[in-house]
C-alpha atoms as a PDB file:
ATOM      1  CA  MET A   1       0.041  25.338  37.473  1.00  0.00           C
ATOM      2  CA  ASN A   2       0.271  21.566  37.631  1.00  0.00           C
ATOM      3  CA  ILE A   3      -0.847  19.706  34.526  1.00  0.00           C
ATOM      4  CA  SER A   4      -1.705  16.090  35.153  1.00  0.00           C
ATOM      5  CA  GLY A   5       0.274  13.625  33.076  1.00  0.00           C
ATOM      6  CA  ILE A   6       2.701  16.080  31.446  1.00  0.00           C
ATOM      7  CA  ASN A   7       5.721  14.134  32.700  1.00  0.00           C
ATOM      8  CA  SER A   8       4.209  10.653  32.503  1.00  0.00           C
ATOM      9  CA  THR A   9       5.034   8.111  29.840  1.00  0.00           C
ATOM     10  CA  ALA A  10       1.358   7.267  29.298  1.00  0.00           C
ATOM     11  CA  SER A  11      -0.108   8.098  25.941  1.00  0.00           C
ATOM     12  CA  ILE A  12      -1.481  11.594  25.549  1.00  0.00           C
ATOM     13  CA  THR A  13      -4.683  10.161  24.151  1.00  0.00           C
ATOM     14  CA  GLN A  14      -5.269   8.298  27.413  1.00  0.00           C
ATOM     15  CA  ASN A  15      -4.743  11.521  29.346  1.00  0.00           C
ATOM     16  CA  MET A  16      -7.224  13.333  27.134  1.00  0.00           C
ATOM     17  CA  GLN A  17      -9.807  10.567  27.528  1.00  0.00           C
ATOM     18  CA  GLN A  18      -9.490  10.662  31.295  1.00  0.00           C
ATOM     19  CA  ALA A  19      -9.578  14.455  31.609  1.00  0.00           C
ATOM     20  CA  GLU A  20     -12.460  15.813  33.642  1.00  0.00           C
ATOM     21  CA  ILE A  21     -13.552  19.401  34.062  1.00  0.00           C
ATOM     22  CA  LYS A  22     -15.735  20.466  36.966  1.00  0.00           C
ATOM     23  CA  VAL A  23     -17.406  23.843  37.279  1.00  0.00           C
ATOM     24  CA  ARG A  24     -17.931  25.104  40.782  1.00  0.00           C
ATOM     25  CA  SER A  25     -20.884  27.281  41.508  1.00  0.00           C
ATOM     26  CA  ASP A  26     -20.275  27.883  45.214  1.00  0.00           C
ATOM     27  CA  ALA A  27     -18.628  31.268  44.635  1.00  0.00           C
ATOM     28  CA  THR A  28     -20.935  34.214  44.072  1.00  0.00           C
ATOM     29  CA  PRO A  29     -19.547  37.083  42.058  1.00  0.00           C
ATOM     30  CA  THR A  30     -19.516  40.492  43.633  1.00  0.00           C
ATOM     31  CA  GLN A  31     -20.656  43.615  41.882  1.00  0.00           C
ATOM     32  CA  ALA A  32     -17.068  44.845  41.546  1.00  0.00           C
ATOM     33  CA  SER A  33     -15.837  41.600  39.967  1.00  0.00           C
ATOM     34  CA  MET A  34     -18.741  41.500  37.509  1.00  0.00           C
ATOM     35  CA  SER A  35     -17.713  44.818  36.003  1.00  0.00           C
ATOM     36  CA  GLN A  36     -14.151  43.661  35.421  1.00  0.00           C
ATOM     37  CA  THR A  37     -13.278  41.729  32.323  1.00  0.00           C
ATOM     38  CA  ILE A  38     -11.785  38.349  33.002  1.00  0.00           C
ATOM     39  CA  GLU A  39      -8.815  37.485  30.870  1.00  0.00           C
ATOM     40  CA  PRO A  40      -8.515  33.842  29.903  1.00  0.00           C
ATOM     41  CA  ASP A  41      -5.624  31.826  31.281  1.00  0.00           C
ATOM     42  CA  SER A  42      -2.956  30.925  28.811  1.00  0.00           C
ATOM     43  CA  VAL A  43      -0.609  27.987  28.935  1.00  0.00           C
ATOM     44  CA  SER A  44       2.676  27.753  27.098  1.00  0.00           C
ATOM     45  CA  ILE A  45       4.438  24.526  26.331  1.00  0.00           C
ATOM     46  CA  SER A  46       8.188  24.113  26.009  1.00  0.00           C
ATOM     47  CA  ASP A  47       9.905  22.918  22.849  1.00  0.00           C
ATOM     48  CA  ALA A  48      10.836  19.645  24.545  1.00  0.00           C
ATOM     49  CA  ALA A  49       7.224  19.061  25.574  1.00  0.00           C
ATOM     50  CA  GLN A  50       6.025  19.867  22.053  1.00  0.00           C
ATOM     51  CA  LYS A  51       8.463  17.350  20.613  1.00  0.00           C
ATOM     52  CA  LYS A  52       7.374  14.698  23.111  1.00  0.00           C
ATOM     53  CA  LEU A  53       3.713  15.381  22.391  1.00  0.00           C
ATOM     54  CA  SER A  54       4.374  15.175  18.658  1.00  0.00           C
ATOM     55  CA  THR A  55       6.229  11.886  19.099  1.00  0.00           C
ATOM     56  CA  GLU A  56       3.475  10.384  21.254  1.00  0.00           C
ATOM     57  CA  LEU A  57       0.729  11.459  18.862  1.00  0.00           C
ATOM     58  CA  GLY A  58       2.734  10.228  15.876  1.00  0.00           C
ATOM     59  CA  THR A  59       3.301   6.869  17.533  1.00  0.00           C
ATOM     60  CA  ALA A  60      -0.380   6.533  18.403  1.00  0.00           C
ATOM     61  CA  MET A  61      -1.409   7.427  14.853  1.00  0.00           C
ATOM     62  CA  HIS A  62       1.139   4.979  13.425  1.00  0.00           C
ATOM     63  CA  LYS A  63      -0.200   2.173  15.631  1.00  0.00           C
ATOM     64  CA  ASN A  64      -3.775   2.971  14.607  1.00  0.00           C
ATOM     65  CA  SER A  65      -2.762   2.950  10.955  1.00  0.00           C
ATOM     66  CA  ALA A  66      -0.960  -0.372  11.348  1.00  0.00           C
ATOM     67  CA  ASN A  67      -3.989  -1.891  13.097  1.00  0.00           C
ATOM     68  CA  THR A  68      -6.291  -0.691  10.326  1.00  0.00           C
ATOM     69  CA  LYS A  69      -4.046  -2.154   7.635  1.00  0.00           C
ATOM     70  CA  ALA A  70      -3.858  -5.455   9.530  1.00  0.00           C
ATOM     71  CA  GLN A  71      -7.640  -5.604   9.785  1.00  0.00           C
ATOM     72  CA  GLN A  72      -8.019  -4.887   6.088  1.00  0.00           C
ATOM     73  CA  SER A  73      -5.546  -7.626   5.161  1.00  0.00           C
ATOM     74  CA  GLU A  74      -7.414 -10.090   7.391  1.00  0.00           C
ATOM     75  CA  GLN A  75     -10.669  -9.501   5.544  1.00  0.00           C
ATOM     76  CA  VAL A  76     -11.388 -12.357   3.190  1.00  0.00           C
ATOM     77  CA  ASP A  77     -12.076 -11.581  -0.451  1.00  0.00           C
ATOM     78  CA  THR A  78     -15.525 -13.055  -0.997  1.00  0.00           C
ATOM     79  CA  ARG A  79     -15.708 -12.248  -4.694  1.00  0.00           C
ATOM     80  CA  THR A  80     -16.046 -15.090  -7.145  1.00  0.00           C
ATOM     81  CA  GLU A  81     -13.373 -15.831  -9.713  1.00  0.00           C
ATOM     82  CA  THR A  82     -15.626 -14.351 -12.384  1.00  0.00           C
ATOM     83  CA  GLU A  83     -15.919 -11.082 -10.462  1.00  0.00           C
ATOM     84  CA  LYS A  84     -12.153 -10.935  -9.981  1.00  0.00           C
ATOM     85  CA  LYS A  85     -11.587 -11.482 -13.719  1.00  0.00           C
ATOM     86  CA  ILE A  86     -14.158  -8.810 -14.567  1.00  0.00           C
ATOM     87  CA  ASP A  87     -12.408  -6.304 -12.310  1.00  0.00           C
ATOM     88  CA  LYS A  88      -9.036  -7.185 -13.847  1.00  0.00           C
ATOM     89  CA  LEU A  89     -10.396  -6.691 -17.386  1.00  0.00           C
ATOM     90  CA  LYS A  90     -11.913  -3.342 -16.396  1.00  0.00           C
ATOM     91  CA  GLU A  91      -8.545  -2.191 -15.074  1.00  0.00           C
ATOM     92  CA  GLU A  92      -6.790  -3.274 -18.268  1.00  0.00           C
ATOM     93  CA  LEU A  93      -9.379  -1.438 -20.366  1.00  0.00           C
ATOM     94  CA  LYS A  94      -8.906   1.685 -18.265  1.00  0.00           C
ATOM     95  CA  GLU A  95      -5.127   1.555 -18.800  1.00  0.00           C
ATOM     96  CA  LEU A  96      -5.549   1.085 -22.559  1.00  0.00           C
ATOM     97  CA  LYS A  97      -7.942   4.047 -22.719  1.00  0.00           C
ATOM     98  CA  GLU A  98      -5.366   6.197 -20.946  1.00  0.00           C
ATOM     99  CA  GLN A  99      -2.660   5.067 -23.390  1.00  0.00           C
ATOM    100  CA  ARG A 100      -4.946   5.858 -26.320  1.00  0.00           C
ATOM    101  CA  GLN A 101      -5.705   9.322 -24.943  1.00  0.00           C
ATOM    102  CA  ALA A 102      -1.995   9.984 -24.545  1.00  0.00           C
ATOM    103  CA  LEU A 103      -1.580   9.326 -28.287  1.00  0.00           C
ATOM    104  CA  ALA A 104      -4.509  11.540 -29.297  1.00  0.00           C
ATOM    105  CA  ASN A 105      -2.391  14.529 -30.378  1.00  0.00           C
ATOM    106  CA  ASP A 106       0.344  12.516 -32.043  1.00  0.00           C
ATOM    107  CA  HIS A 107      -0.348  12.239 -35.792  1.00  0.00           C
ATOM    108  CA  SER A 108       2.683  10.209 -36.796  1.00  0.00           C
ATOM    109  CA  GLU A 109       2.428   6.824 -38.524  1.00  0.00           C
ATOM    110  CA  ALA A 110       3.903   5.061 -35.503  1.00  0.00           C
ATOM    111  CA  ALA A 111       1.260   6.610 -33.259  1.00  0.00           C
ATOM    112  CA  GLU A 112      -1.463   5.638 -35.715  1.00  0.00           C
ATOM    113  CA  GLN A 113      -0.236   2.028 -35.678  1.00  0.00           C
ATOM    114  CA  LYS A 114      -0.066   2.073 -31.883  1.00  0.00           C
ATOM    115  CA  ARG A 115      -3.673   3.361 -31.736  1.00  0.00           C
ATOM    116  CA  LYS A 116      -4.781   0.531 -34.028  1.00  0.00           C
ATOM    117  CA  ASP A 117      -3.035  -2.004 -31.788  1.00  0.00           C
ATOM    118  CA  ILE A 118      -4.649  -0.505 -28.705  1.00  0.00           C
ATOM    119  CA  ASP A 119      -8.060  -0.539 -30.404  1.00  0.00           C
ATOM    120  CA  ALA A 120      -7.631  -4.219 -31.255  1.00  0.00           C
ATOM    121  CA  GLN A 121      -6.630  -5.043 -27.677  1.00  0.00           C
ATOM    122  CA  MET A 122      -9.598  -3.083 -26.356  1.00  0.00           C
ATOM    123  CA  MET A 123     -11.962  -4.969 -28.656  1.00  0.00           C
ATOM    124  CA  MET A 124     -10.643  -8.328 -27.421  1.00  0.00           C
ATOM    125  CA  LEU A 125     -10.953  -7.222 -23.793  1.00  0.00           C
ATOM    126  CA  ASN A 126     -14.497  -5.980 -24.404  1.00  0.00           C
ATOM    127  CA  VAL A 127     -15.475  -9.355 -25.899  1.00  0.00           C
ATOM    128  CA  GLN A 128     -13.965 -11.150 -22.895  1.00  0.00           C
ATOM    129  CA  LEU A 129     -15.702  -8.740 -20.510  1.00  0.00           C
ATOM    130  CA  THR A 130     -19.053  -9.248 -22.230  1.00  0.00           C
ATOM    131  CA  THR A 131     -18.633 -13.016 -22.030  1.00  0.00           C
ATOM    132  CA  LEU A 132     -17.787 -12.879 -18.339  1.00  0.00           C
ATOM    133  CA  LEU A 133     -20.692 -10.551 -17.577  1.00  0.00           C
ATOM    134  CA  LYS A 134     -23.061 -12.907 -19.362  1.00  0.00           C
ATOM    135  CA  ALA A 135     -21.616 -15.868 -17.424  1.00  0.00           C
ATOM    136  CA  GLN A 136     -22.015 -13.939 -14.173  1.00  0.00           C
ATOM    137  CA  LYS A 137     -25.637 -13.160 -15.025  1.00  0.00           C
ATOM    138  CA  ASP A 138     -26.276 -16.836 -15.811  1.00  0.00           C
ATOM    139  CA  GLU A 139     -24.683 -17.868 -12.502  1.00  0.00           C
ATOM    140  CA  ALA A 140     -26.876 -15.406 -10.619  1.00  0.00           C
ATOM    141  CA  GLU A 141     -30.033 -16.628 -12.355  1.00  0.00           C
ATOM    142  CA  SER A 142     -29.232 -20.291 -11.754  1.00  0.00           C
ATOM    143  CA  GLY A 143     -28.344 -19.600  -8.115  1.00  0.00           C
ATOM    144  CA  ALA A 144     -31.567 -17.677  -7.424  1.00  0.00           C
END
C-alpha cells in the first residue's frame, strides 16, 4: 500500500488538507460477495513514522501558538487610563481578600493585627475604586 506523502518533508496538515477520497460505483457486487463479511483494512505505522508525525504535529502546533501570541501582543489596549486603574484596584482587592481568607482560622494576636491592616487597606482601595467608577461614569455622561 502506498501512502501519499509519508516520506515527504511537507507538513502533515497539508497532506490531510489535500487528501481526497473517491468512491467508485462501477463494480456491482455478486450474490456470493454480499453474503461475506468484509473486514476493514488496517494500517500500521512504524515507530520512526510515529515520531516524525509527532514532531511535525508538535512543530505545527507550536507555530500556531506562536502566531496566536504574536497577534494578541499586536492588539492595542483601547482601555482608558481610568479603566486600567479600576482593573488594577480590583486585582489588588482580590489579592487582599485572599490574604484575609487565609488568616480566617488563625486566632492569634498577630493574625488579628494583620486582618485589621488588610481591612484598612481594603477600605482605602474601595474608596479609590468608588472615586474612579464615579469619574468613569461622569466621563461617559459628558462624552454621550
